[in-house]
Amino acid sequence: MTVPTGRRERKKAATRQKIADTALAMFLERGYDAVGIRDVATEADVAVTTVFSHFASKEALVFEQDENFEQRLIQAVTGRTADEPLIPALRHEIHAMVRHCTADDATPIRHLIDRAPALREYEESMRLRHAESLATVIAADLDQPTTSTACRAIARFVIGAFSLACEAADPQEAVDETFRMIEAAWKSTSLT
């Protein structure tokens, strides 16, 4: 995520972060279903419309890093050097994302998500969207059509690696194990 440079952009980013932090604290304290948008707005000292100008839904408040994660995946593909292979670049980024999401301070958030069906459903749709964005950028990078089955499959496998690792007893080993399979699948395509 880019750092806002202008005063207005910095203020907007600070308001967004304040709303997200307030909502998360309230959800963790009271439970996701027990807190409404109006409660969050009141506690954050903003209007309900301000909450919705920053977040499309109540679920989005929990996944406030969603856009950042998607941009990181895209950057892993587009920002690599000409001689850096695709799959190792994605493995490196997934390792970093898994470290972030499995850190001790992330455990309460994981429990919150696991206990709320609406959050689990939102997370699944978010992952599908990330996979589609990643597939599109992989296809563009390889000069393939966006409907390329190989690009779409690899993107879904990469997102799946993240999901599986976050649930594993040894998350980093789970990333490596899954990426060994992804690497083998990728090598079997004619795109490498």
N, C-alpha and C. Protein backbone atom coordinates (compact mmCIF):
# COMPACT_ATOMS: atom_id res chain seq x y z
N MET A 1 0.85 -1.17 0.00
CA MET A 1 0.00 0.00 0.00
C MET A 1 0.89 1.23 0.00
N THR A 2 0.57 2.19 -0.81
CA THR A 2 1.38 3.40 -0.89
C THR A 2 1.09 4.31 0.29
N VAL A 3 2.10 5.02 0.71
CA VAL A 3 1.95 5.95 1.82
C VAL A 3 1.40 7.26 1.27
N PRO A 4 0.28 7.74 1.83
CA PRO A 4 -0.29 9.00 1.35
C PRO A 4 0.67 10.15 1.57
N THR A 5 0.75 11.03 0.58
CA THR A 5 1.72 12.12 0.68
C THR A 5 1.11 13.45 1.08
N GLY A 6 -0.07 13.74 0.61
CA GLY A 6 -0.70 15.01 0.93
C GLY A 6 -1.39 14.99 2.28
N ARG A 7 -1.62 16.18 2.83
CA ARG A 7 -2.26 16.30 4.14
C ARG A 7 -3.64 15.63 4.14
N ARG A 8 -4.42 15.91 3.11
CA ARG A 8 -5.77 15.34 3.02
C ARG A 8 -5.73 13.81 2.95
N GLU A 9 -4.81 13.28 2.16
CA GLU A 9 -4.68 11.83 2.02
C GLU A 9 -4.23 11.19 3.33
N ARG A 10 -3.31 11.86 4.04
CA ARG A 10 -2.84 11.33 5.33
C ARG A 10 -3.98 11.32 6.34
N LYS A 11 -4.78 12.39 6.35
CA LYS A 11 -5.90 12.47 7.28
C LYS A 11 -6.93 11.39 6.97
N LYS A 12 -7.19 11.18 5.71
CA LYS A 12 -8.14 10.15 5.28
C LYS A 12 -7.65 8.76 5.69
N ALA A 13 -6.36 8.51 5.48
CA ALA A 13 -5.76 7.21 5.86
C ALA A 13 -5.81 7.01 7.37
N ALA A 14 -5.58 8.09 8.13
CA ALA A 14 -5.63 7.99 9.59
C ALA A 14 -7.04 7.70 10.07
N THR A 15 -8.02 8.33 9.45
CA THR A 15 -9.42 8.08 9.81
C THR A 15 -9.78 6.63 9.50
N ARG A 16 -9.37 6.16 8.35
CA ARG A 16 -9.65 4.77 7.96
C ARG A 16 -9.04 3.81 8.97
N GLN A 17 -7.79 4.05 9.34
CA GLN A 17 -7.12 3.17 10.30
C GLN A 17 -7.79 3.23 11.67
N LYS A 18 -8.21 4.42 12.08
CA LYS A 18 -8.88 4.57 13.37
C LYS A 18 -10.18 3.76 13.39
N ILE A 19 -10.93 3.83 12.30
CA ILE A 19 -12.19 3.08 12.21
C ILE A 19 -11.90 1.58 12.28
N ALA A 20 -10.93 1.12 11.51
CA ALA A 20 -10.59 -0.31 11.49
C ALA A 20 -10.12 -0.79 12.86
N ASP A 21 -9.25 -0.02 13.50
CA ASP A 21 -8.74 -0.39 14.82
C ASP A 21 -9.85 -0.42 15.86
N THR A 22 -10.72 0.57 15.79
CA THR A 22 -11.85 0.63 16.73
C THR A 22 -12.77 -0.57 16.54
N ALA A 23 -13.11 -0.84 15.29
CA ALA A 23 -14.00 -1.97 15.00
C ALA A 23 -13.39 -3.28 15.47
N LEU A 24 -12.14 -3.50 15.16
CA LEU A 24 -11.50 -4.75 15.55
C LEU A 24 -11.47 -4.92 17.07
N ALA A 25 -11.14 -3.86 17.77
CA ALA A 25 -11.12 -3.93 19.24
C ALA A 25 -12.51 -4.27 19.77
N MET A 26 -13.54 -3.66 19.21
CA MET A 26 -14.90 -3.93 19.64
C MET A 26 -15.32 -5.36 19.31
N PHE A 27 -14.98 -5.83 18.11
CA PHE A 27 -15.33 -7.20 17.71
C PHE A 27 -14.65 -8.21 18.63
N LEU A 28 -13.39 -7.97 18.95
CA LEU A 28 -12.65 -8.90 19.80
C LEU A 28 -13.20 -8.90 21.23
N GLU A 29 -13.63 -7.74 21.68
CA GLU A 29 -14.14 -7.62 23.05
C GLU A 29 -15.56 -8.18 23.18
N ARG A 30 -16.44 -7.85 22.24
CA ARG A 30 -17.86 -8.18 22.38
C ARG A 30 -18.32 -9.32 21.48
N GLY A 31 -17.55 -9.62 20.45
CA GLY A 31 -17.97 -10.60 19.45
C GLY A 31 -18.45 -9.88 18.21
N TYR A 32 -18.20 -10.48 17.06
CA TYR A 32 -18.52 -9.85 15.79
C TYR A 32 -20.01 -9.54 15.65
N ASP A 33 -20.85 -10.49 15.96
CA ASP A 33 -22.29 -10.31 15.77
C ASP A 33 -22.92 -9.33 16.75
N ALA A 34 -22.25 -9.06 17.86
CA ALA A 34 -22.80 -8.17 18.88
C ALA A 34 -22.52 -6.70 18.61
N VAL A 35 -21.74 -6.40 17.59
CA VAL A 35 -21.35 -5.02 17.29
C VAL A 35 -21.90 -4.63 15.92
N GLY A 36 -22.56 -3.50 15.87
CA GLY A 36 -23.08 -2.99 14.60
C GLY A 36 -22.23 -1.84 14.07
N ILE A 37 -22.47 -1.49 12.84
CA ILE A 37 -21.75 -0.37 12.21
C ILE A 37 -21.98 0.92 12.99
N ARG A 38 -23.20 1.13 13.42
CA ARG A 38 -23.50 2.35 14.19
C ARG A 38 -22.67 2.39 15.48
N ASP A 39 -22.48 1.22 16.12
CA ASP A 39 -21.65 1.15 17.34
C ASP A 39 -20.21 1.55 17.03
N VAL A 40 -19.71 1.04 15.92
CA VAL A 40 -18.33 1.36 15.52
C VAL A 40 -18.20 2.85 15.24
N ALA A 41 -19.14 3.39 14.51
CA ALA A 41 -19.10 4.82 14.17
C ALA A 41 -19.10 5.68 15.44
N THR A 42 -19.98 5.33 16.37
CA THR A 42 -20.06 6.09 17.63
C THR A 42 -18.74 6.02 18.39
N GLU A 43 -18.20 4.82 18.51
CA GLU A 43 -16.95 4.63 19.26
C GLU A 43 -15.76 5.32 18.58
N ALA A 44 -15.76 5.32 17.26
CA ALA A 44 -14.67 5.97 16.51
C ALA A 44 -14.89 7.46 16.35
N ASP A 45 -16.04 7.93 16.79
CA ASP A 45 -16.41 9.35 16.71
C ASP A 45 -16.44 9.85 15.26
N VAL A 46 -17.10 9.03 14.41
CA VAL A 46 -17.32 9.41 13.02
C VAL A 46 -18.77 9.10 12.67
N ALA A 47 -19.22 9.61 11.54
CA ALA A 47 -20.57 9.32 11.07
C ALA A 47 -20.60 7.92 10.44
N VAL A 48 -21.78 7.32 10.44
CA VAL A 48 -21.96 6.02 9.80
C VAL A 48 -21.56 6.12 8.32
N THR A 49 -21.91 7.22 7.69
CA THR A 49 -21.54 7.40 6.28
C THR A 49 -20.02 7.43 6.09
N THR A 50 -19.30 7.92 7.09
CA THR A 50 -17.84 7.93 7.02
C THR A 50 -17.30 6.51 7.07
N VAL A 51 -17.89 5.68 7.91
CA VAL A 51 -17.48 4.27 7.96
C VAL A 51 -17.66 3.65 6.58
N PHE A 52 -18.83 3.88 5.98
CA PHE A 52 -19.10 3.27 4.68
C PHE A 52 -18.32 3.93 3.53
N SER A 53 -17.82 5.12 3.74
CA SER A 53 -16.98 5.72 2.69
C SER A 53 -15.59 5.07 2.68
N HIS A 54 -15.22 4.43 3.77
CA HIS A 54 -13.93 3.75 3.86
C HIS A 54 -14.03 2.24 3.70
N PHE A 55 -15.16 1.67 4.09
CA PHE A 55 -15.34 0.21 4.08
C PHE A 55 -16.69 -0.13 3.47
N ALA A 56 -16.68 -1.04 2.52
CA ALA A 56 -17.90 -1.39 1.80
C ALA A 56 -18.89 -2.20 2.64
N SER A 57 -18.39 -2.84 3.68
CA SER A 57 -19.27 -3.69 4.49
C SER A 57 -18.69 -3.85 5.90
N LYS A 58 -19.48 -4.40 6.77
CA LYS A 58 -19.03 -4.68 8.14
C LYS A 58 -17.87 -5.68 8.10
N GLU A 59 -17.97 -6.68 7.24
CA GLU A 59 -16.91 -7.69 7.13
C GLU A 59 -15.58 -7.07 6.71
N ALA A 60 -15.65 -6.08 5.84
CA ALA A 60 -14.42 -5.43 5.35
C ALA A 60 -13.63 -4.77 6.47
N LEU A 61 -14.30 -4.43 7.56
CA LEU A 61 -13.61 -3.84 8.71
C LEU A 61 -12.58 -4.81 9.31
N VAL A 62 -12.89 -6.09 9.28
CA VAL A 62 -11.98 -7.10 9.82
C VAL A 62 -10.82 -7.35 8.86
N PHE A 63 -11.11 -7.27 7.57
CA PHE A 63 -10.10 -7.55 6.55
C PHE A 63 -9.56 -6.26 5.95
N GLU A 64 -9.21 -5.31 6.80
CA GLU A 64 -8.81 -4.00 6.30
C GLU A 64 -7.48 -4.03 5.55
N GLN A 65 -6.72 -5.12 5.65
CA GLN A 65 -5.47 -5.26 4.90
C GLN A 65 -5.68 -5.95 3.56
N ASP A 66 -6.92 -6.25 3.22
CA ASP A 66 -7.27 -6.97 1.99
C ASP A 66 -6.60 -6.37 0.76
N GLU A 67 -6.77 -5.09 0.55
CA GLU A 67 -6.22 -4.42 -0.63
C GLU A 67 -4.69 -4.49 -0.63
N ASN A 68 -4.09 -4.34 0.53
CA ASN A 68 -2.64 -4.40 0.65
C ASN A 68 -2.14 -5.79 0.27
N PHE A 69 -2.81 -6.84 0.74
CA PHE A 69 -2.40 -8.20 0.41
C PHE A 69 -2.51 -8.45 -1.09
N GLU A 70 -3.59 -7.99 -1.69
CA GLU A 70 -3.76 -8.18 -3.13
C GLU A 70 -2.65 -7.46 -3.90
N GLN A 71 -2.32 -6.25 -3.49
CA GLN A 71 -1.26 -5.49 -4.16
C GLN A 71 0.11 -6.17 -3.98
N ARG A 72 0.33 -6.76 -2.83
CA ARG A 72 1.59 -7.47 -2.58
C ARG A 72 1.74 -8.66 -3.53
N LEU A 73 0.64 -9.39 -3.76
CA LEU A 73 0.68 -10.52 -4.68
C LEU A 73 0.98 -10.05 -6.11
N ILE A 74 0.32 -8.99 -6.50
CA ILE A 74 0.54 -8.43 -7.83
C ILE A 74 1.99 -7.96 -7.97
N GLN A 75 2.49 -7.28 -6.96
CA GLN A 75 3.87 -6.78 -6.98
C GLN A 75 4.88 -7.92 -7.01
N ALA A 76 4.55 -9.05 -6.41
CA ALA A 76 5.46 -10.21 -6.45
C ALA A 76 5.68 -10.67 -7.89
N VAL A 77 4.66 -10.51 -8.72
CA VAL A 77 4.78 -10.89 -10.13
C VAL A 77 5.41 -9.76 -10.93
N THR A 78 4.84 -8.57 -10.83
CA THR A 78 5.28 -7.47 -11.68
C THR A 78 6.59 -6.83 -11.23
N GLY A 79 6.94 -6.97 -9.98
CA GLY A 79 8.13 -6.30 -9.46
C GLY A 79 9.38 -7.16 -9.46
N ARG A 80 9.28 -8.38 -9.91
CA ARG A 80 10.47 -9.24 -9.90
C ARG A 80 11.40 -8.88 -11.06
N THR A 81 12.66 -9.22 -10.90
CA THR A 81 13.64 -8.94 -11.95
C THR A 81 13.41 -9.88 -13.13
N ALA A 82 13.96 -9.53 -14.26
CA ALA A 82 13.76 -10.30 -15.50
C ALA A 82 14.25 -11.74 -15.36
N ASP A 83 15.28 -11.96 -14.54
CA ASP A 83 15.82 -13.31 -14.40
C ASP A 83 15.23 -14.07 -13.21
N GLU A 84 14.33 -13.45 -12.46
CA GLU A 84 13.73 -14.12 -11.30
C GLU A 84 12.51 -14.92 -11.74
N PRO A 85 12.54 -16.23 -11.48
CA PRO A 85 11.40 -17.06 -11.87
C PRO A 85 10.14 -16.70 -11.08
N LEU A 86 9.01 -16.93 -11.71
CA LEU A 86 7.70 -16.58 -11.14
C LEU A 86 7.40 -17.29 -9.82
N ILE A 87 7.49 -18.59 -9.81
CA ILE A 87 7.04 -19.35 -8.64
C ILE A 87 7.87 -19.04 -7.39
N PRO A 88 9.20 -18.97 -7.46
CA PRO A 88 9.95 -18.57 -6.26
C PRO A 88 9.58 -17.17 -5.75
N ALA A 89 9.30 -16.26 -6.66
CA ALA A 89 8.89 -14.91 -6.24
C ALA A 89 7.57 -14.97 -5.47
N LEU A 90 6.64 -15.77 -5.96
CA LEU A 90 5.36 -15.92 -5.25
C LEU A 90 5.55 -16.64 -3.92
N ARG A 91 6.41 -17.65 -3.90
CA ARG A 91 6.68 -18.37 -2.64
C ARG A 91 7.22 -17.40 -1.58
N HIS A 92 8.14 -16.57 -1.99
CA HIS A 92 8.73 -15.59 -1.06
C HIS A 92 7.63 -14.69 -0.46
N GLU A 93 6.73 -14.20 -1.31
CA GLU A 93 5.67 -13.31 -0.83
C GLU A 93 4.68 -14.04 0.06
N ILE A 94 4.33 -15.26 -0.31
CA ILE A 94 3.40 -16.04 0.52
C ILE A 94 4.03 -16.33 1.88
N HIS A 95 5.31 -16.63 1.91
CA HIS A 95 5.99 -16.81 3.21
C HIS A 95 5.81 -15.57 4.08
N ALA A 96 6.05 -14.40 3.52
CA ALA A 96 5.92 -13.15 4.28
C ALA A 96 4.49 -12.93 4.75
N MET A 97 3.53 -13.20 3.89
CA MET A 97 2.13 -13.00 4.25
C MET A 97 1.70 -13.99 5.34
N VAL A 98 2.19 -15.21 5.25
CA VAL A 98 1.85 -16.22 6.27
C VAL A 98 2.48 -15.83 7.61
N ARG A 99 3.71 -15.35 7.59
CA ARG A 99 4.34 -14.89 8.85
C ARG A 99 3.48 -13.81 9.51
N HIS A 100 2.99 -12.89 8.70
CA HIS A 100 2.15 -11.81 9.22
C HIS A 100 0.85 -12.36 9.82
N CYS A 101 0.21 -13.26 9.11
CA CYS A 101 -1.12 -13.75 9.53
C CYS A 101 -1.07 -14.84 10.59
N THR A 102 0.12 -15.38 10.87
CA THR A 102 0.22 -16.41 11.91
C THR A 102 1.01 -15.92 13.12
N ALA A 103 1.35 -14.65 13.14
CA ALA A 103 2.04 -14.08 14.30
C ALA A 103 1.12 -14.17 15.51
N ASP A 104 1.71 -14.19 16.68
CA ASP A 104 0.92 -14.34 17.91
C ASP A 104 -0.20 -13.32 18.04
N ASP A 105 0.07 -12.09 17.63
CA ASP A 105 -0.96 -11.06 17.76
C ASP A 105 -2.11 -11.23 16.76
N ALA A 106 -1.96 -12.12 15.78
CA ALA A 106 -3.02 -12.39 14.81
C ALA A 106 -3.96 -13.51 15.27
N THR A 107 -3.58 -14.26 16.29
CA THR A 107 -4.38 -15.40 16.74
C THR A 107 -5.80 -15.00 17.15
N PRO A 108 -6.00 -13.94 17.93
CA PRO A 108 -7.37 -13.57 18.28
C PRO A 108 -8.23 -13.22 17.06
N ILE A 109 -7.62 -12.63 16.06
CA ILE A 109 -8.36 -12.28 14.84
C ILE A 109 -8.77 -13.55 14.11
N ARG A 110 -7.85 -14.52 14.04
CA ARG A 110 -8.16 -15.80 13.40
C ARG A 110 -9.34 -16.47 14.10
N HIS A 111 -9.34 -16.45 15.43
CA HIS A 111 -10.45 -17.04 16.19
C HIS A 111 -11.75 -16.30 15.92
N LEU A 112 -11.68 -14.98 15.82
CA LEU A 112 -12.86 -14.16 15.51
C LEU A 112 -13.44 -14.59 14.16
N ILE A 113 -12.60 -14.71 13.17
CA ILE A 113 -13.04 -15.11 11.83
C ILE A 113 -13.64 -16.51 11.86
N ASP A 114 -12.98 -17.42 12.53
CA ASP A 114 -13.46 -18.80 12.59
C ASP A 114 -14.82 -18.93 13.25
N ARG A 115 -15.13 -18.04 14.18
CA ARG A 115 -16.41 -18.11 14.90
C ARG A 115 -17.57 -17.41 14.20
N ALA A 116 -17.29 -16.64 13.17
CA ALA A 116 -18.35 -15.86 12.51
C ALA A 116 -18.55 -16.33 11.07
N PRO A 117 -19.65 -16.99 10.78
CA PRO A 117 -19.90 -17.47 9.41
C PRO A 117 -19.81 -16.36 8.36
N ALA A 118 -20.28 -15.17 8.67
CA ALA A 118 -20.23 -14.07 7.70
C ALA A 118 -18.78 -13.72 7.36
N LEU A 119 -17.89 -13.80 8.34
CA LEU A 119 -16.48 -13.50 8.10
C LEU A 119 -15.81 -14.60 7.30
N ARG A 120 -16.14 -15.86 7.59
CA ARG A 120 -15.57 -16.97 6.82
C ARG A 120 -16.00 -16.88 5.36
N GLU A 121 -17.27 -16.55 5.14
CA GLU A 121 -17.78 -16.41 3.77
C GLU A 121 -17.09 -15.24 3.05
N TYR A 122 -16.93 -14.13 3.74
CA TYR A 122 -16.26 -12.97 3.15
C TYR A 122 -14.81 -13.31 2.81
N GLU A 123 -14.15 -14.01 3.72
CA GLU A 123 -12.76 -14.39 3.50
C GLU A 123 -12.64 -15.28 2.25
N GLU A 124 -13.55 -16.21 2.09
CA GLU A 124 -13.52 -17.09 0.92
C GLU A 124 -13.71 -16.30 -0.37
N SER A 125 -14.66 -15.36 -0.39
CA SER A 125 -14.87 -14.56 -1.60
C SER A 125 -13.67 -13.65 -1.85
N MET A 126 -13.03 -13.17 -0.81
CA MET A 126 -11.84 -12.35 -0.93
C MET A 126 -10.70 -13.16 -1.56
N ARG A 127 -10.54 -14.39 -1.13
CA ARG A 127 -9.49 -15.25 -1.68
C ARG A 127 -9.72 -15.55 -3.16
N LEU A 128 -10.97 -15.77 -3.52
CA LEU A 128 -11.28 -16.00 -4.94
C LEU A 128 -10.96 -14.77 -5.77
N ARG A 129 -11.27 -13.60 -5.24
CA ARG A 129 -10.95 -12.35 -5.93
C ARG A 129 -9.44 -12.17 -6.06
N HIS A 130 -8.70 -12.49 -5.01
CA HIS A 130 -7.24 -12.40 -5.06
C HIS A 130 -6.69 -13.36 -6.12
N ALA A 131 -7.26 -14.56 -6.17
CA ALA A 131 -6.80 -15.54 -7.17
C ALA A 131 -7.05 -15.04 -8.58
N GLU A 132 -8.21 -14.41 -8.81
CA GLU A 132 -8.50 -13.88 -10.14
C GLU A 132 -7.55 -12.73 -10.50
N SER A 133 -7.29 -11.85 -9.55
CA SER A 133 -6.35 -10.74 -9.80
C SER A 133 -4.95 -11.28 -10.09
N LEU A 134 -4.54 -12.27 -9.31
CA LEU A 134 -3.22 -12.85 -9.50
C LEU A 134 -3.14 -13.56 -10.86
N ALA A 135 -4.18 -14.29 -11.22
CA ALA A 135 -4.20 -14.97 -12.52
C ALA A 135 -4.09 -13.96 -13.66
N THR A 136 -4.78 -12.86 -13.54
CA THR A 136 -4.75 -11.83 -14.58
C THR A 136 -3.35 -11.26 -14.75
N VAL A 137 -2.68 -10.99 -13.65
CA VAL A 137 -1.33 -10.40 -13.74
C VAL A 137 -0.31 -11.44 -14.21
N ILE A 138 -0.49 -12.70 -13.82
CA ILE A 138 0.41 -13.76 -14.31
C ILE A 138 0.24 -13.90 -15.83
N ALA A 139 -1.01 -13.94 -16.28
CA ALA A 139 -1.28 -14.06 -17.72
C ALA A 139 -0.68 -12.88 -18.48
N ALA A 140 -0.85 -11.68 -17.97
CA ALA A 140 -0.28 -10.50 -18.63
C ALA A 140 1.24 -10.58 -18.67
N ASP A 141 1.84 -11.02 -17.57
CA ASP A 141 3.29 -11.13 -17.49
C ASP A 141 3.84 -12.12 -18.52
N LEU A 142 3.07 -13.16 -18.80
CA LEU A 142 3.51 -14.21 -19.72
C LEU A 142 2.92 -14.04 -21.12
N ASP A 143 2.24 -12.93 -21.33
CA ASP A 143 1.61 -12.65 -22.62
C ASP A 143 0.64 -13.76 -23.03
N GLN A 144 -0.19 -14.14 -22.05
CA GLN A 144 -1.20 -15.18 -22.25
C GLN A 144 -2.59 -14.55 -22.13
N PRO A 145 -3.59 -15.20 -22.67
CA PRO A 145 -4.95 -14.68 -22.48
C PRO A 145 -5.34 -14.79 -21.01
N THR A 146 -6.18 -13.87 -20.56
CA THR A 146 -6.59 -13.88 -19.15
C THR A 146 -7.40 -15.12 -18.79
N THR A 147 -7.87 -15.83 -19.79
CA THR A 147 -8.63 -17.05 -19.54
C THR A 147 -7.73 -18.29 -19.48
N SER A 148 -6.43 -18.09 -19.52
CA SER A 148 -5.48 -19.21 -19.49
C SER A 148 -5.74 -20.09 -18.27
N THR A 149 -6.04 -21.36 -18.53
CA THR A 149 -6.31 -22.30 -17.44
C THR A 149 -5.09 -22.46 -16.55
N ALA A 150 -3.92 -22.55 -17.15
CA ALA A 150 -2.70 -22.73 -16.35
C ALA A 150 -2.47 -21.55 -15.41
N CYS A 151 -2.65 -20.33 -15.90
CA CYS A 151 -2.46 -19.14 -15.06
C CYS A 151 -3.50 -19.08 -13.94
N ARG A 152 -4.72 -19.40 -14.26
CA ARG A 152 -5.79 -19.37 -13.25
C ARG A 152 -5.58 -20.46 -12.21
N ALA A 153 -5.17 -21.65 -12.66
CA ALA A 153 -4.95 -22.75 -11.72
C ALA A 153 -3.79 -22.44 -10.77
N ILE A 154 -2.68 -21.97 -11.33
CA ILE A 154 -1.53 -21.65 -10.49
C ILE A 154 -1.89 -20.57 -9.48
N ALA A 155 -2.62 -19.56 -9.91
CA ALA A 155 -3.03 -18.49 -8.99
C ALA A 155 -3.88 -19.06 -7.85
N ARG A 156 -4.79 -19.95 -8.17
CA ARG A 156 -5.61 -20.55 -7.11
C ARG A 156 -4.78 -21.42 -6.18
N PHE A 157 -3.80 -22.13 -6.75
CA PHE A 157 -2.92 -22.95 -5.91
C PHE A 157 -2.12 -22.06 -4.95
N VAL A 158 -1.65 -20.92 -5.44
CA VAL A 158 -0.88 -20.00 -4.61
C VAL A 158 -1.74 -19.48 -3.46
N ILE A 159 -2.97 -19.07 -3.76
CA ILE A 159 -3.87 -18.60 -2.72
C ILE A 159 -4.21 -19.75 -1.76
N GLY A 160 -4.37 -20.93 -2.30
CA GLY A 160 -4.61 -22.11 -1.46
C GLY A 160 -3.45 -22.41 -0.54
N ALA A 161 -2.22 -22.20 -1.04
CA ALA A 161 -1.04 -22.41 -0.20
C ALA A 161 -1.08 -21.50 1.01
N PHE A 162 -1.48 -20.26 0.79
CA PHE A 162 -1.61 -19.31 1.90
C PHE A 162 -2.63 -19.82 2.91
N SER A 163 -3.79 -20.22 2.43
CA SER A 163 -4.87 -20.69 3.31
C SER A 163 -4.45 -21.91 4.11
N LEU A 164 -3.88 -22.89 3.43
CA LEU A 164 -3.45 -24.12 4.10
C LEU A 164 -2.37 -23.84 5.14
N ALA A 165 -1.44 -22.98 4.79
CA ALA A 165 -0.34 -22.67 5.71
C ALA A 165 -0.86 -21.99 6.97
N CYS A 166 -1.83 -21.12 6.82
CA CYS A 166 -2.38 -20.42 7.99
C CYS A 166 -3.06 -21.37 8.97
N GLU A 167 -3.48 -22.53 8.49
CA GLU A 167 -4.14 -23.51 9.34
C GLU A 167 -3.19 -24.60 9.84
N ALA A 168 -1.96 -24.64 9.34
CA ALA A 168 -1.02 -25.72 9.63
C ALA A 168 -0.30 -25.53 10.96
N ALA A 169 0.14 -26.65 11.52
CA ALA A 169 0.93 -26.61 12.75
C ALA A 169 2.27 -25.92 12.51
N ASP A 170 2.86 -26.15 11.34
CA ASP A 170 4.11 -25.50 10.96
C ASP A 170 3.85 -24.73 9.67
N PRO A 171 3.38 -23.48 9.79
CA PRO A 171 2.98 -22.73 8.60
C PRO A 171 4.06 -22.58 7.53
N GLN A 172 5.29 -22.30 7.93
CA GLN A 172 6.34 -22.08 6.94
C GLN A 172 6.67 -23.37 6.18
N GLU A 173 6.67 -24.50 6.88
CA GLU A 173 6.90 -25.79 6.20
C GLU A 173 5.73 -26.10 5.27
N ALA A 174 4.53 -25.73 5.67
CA ALA A 174 3.36 -25.95 4.81
C ALA A 174 3.48 -25.15 3.52
N VAL A 175 3.99 -23.93 3.61
CA VAL A 175 4.22 -23.13 2.40
C VAL A 175 5.21 -23.85 1.49
N ASP A 176 6.32 -24.27 2.06
CA ASP A 176 7.35 -24.95 1.25
C ASP A 176 6.81 -26.24 0.62
N GLU A 177 6.10 -27.03 1.41
CA GLU A 177 5.55 -28.28 0.89
C GLU A 177 4.58 -28.03 -0.26
N THR A 178 3.69 -27.07 -0.08
CA THR A 178 2.71 -26.76 -1.11
C THR A 178 3.39 -26.18 -2.35
N PHE A 179 4.38 -25.34 -2.14
CA PHE A 179 5.06 -24.74 -3.29
C PHE A 179 5.92 -25.75 -4.06
N ARG A 180 6.36 -26.82 -3.42
CA ARG A 180 7.04 -27.87 -4.17
C ARG A 180 6.06 -28.47 -5.18
N MET A 181 4.83 -28.66 -4.78
CA MET A 181 3.81 -29.18 -5.70
C MET A 181 3.46 -28.15 -6.78
N ILE A 182 3.36 -26.88 -6.37
CA ILE A 182 3.06 -25.81 -7.34
C ILE A 182 4.18 -25.73 -8.38
N GLU A 183 5.41 -25.80 -7.92
CA GLU A 183 6.56 -25.74 -8.83
C GLU A 183 6.51 -26.90 -9.84
N ALA A 184 6.20 -28.09 -9.35
CA ALA A 184 6.11 -29.26 -10.25
C ALA A 184 4.97 -29.08 -11.25
N ALA A 185 3.84 -28.57 -10.80
CA ALA A 185 2.71 -28.34 -11.71
C ALA A 185 3.07 -27.27 -12.74
N TRP A 186 3.74 -26.22 -12.29
CA TRP A 186 4.11 -25.13 -13.20
C TRP A 186 5.09 -25.62 -14.26
N LYS A 187 6.05 -26.45 -13.85
CA LYS A 187 7.03 -26.98 -14.80
C LYS A 187 6.38 -27.86 -15.86
N SER A 188 5.23 -28.43 -15.53
CA SER A 188 4.56 -29.32 -16.50
C SER A 188 3.80 -28.53 -17.56
N THR A 189 3.67 -27.22 -17.39
CA THR A 189 3.01 -26.40 -18.40
C THR A 189 4.00 -25.96 -19.46
N SER A 190 3.50 -25.48 -20.53
CA SER A 190 4.40 -24.98 -21.59
C SER A 190 4.73 -23.50 -21.40
N LEU A 191 4.32 -22.94 -20.25
CA LEU A 191 4.50 -21.51 -20.02
C LEU A 191 5.82 -21.16 -19.35
N THR A 192 6.50 -22.14 -18.83
CA THR A 192 7.74 -21.86 -18.08
C THR A 192 8.91 -21.55 -18.98
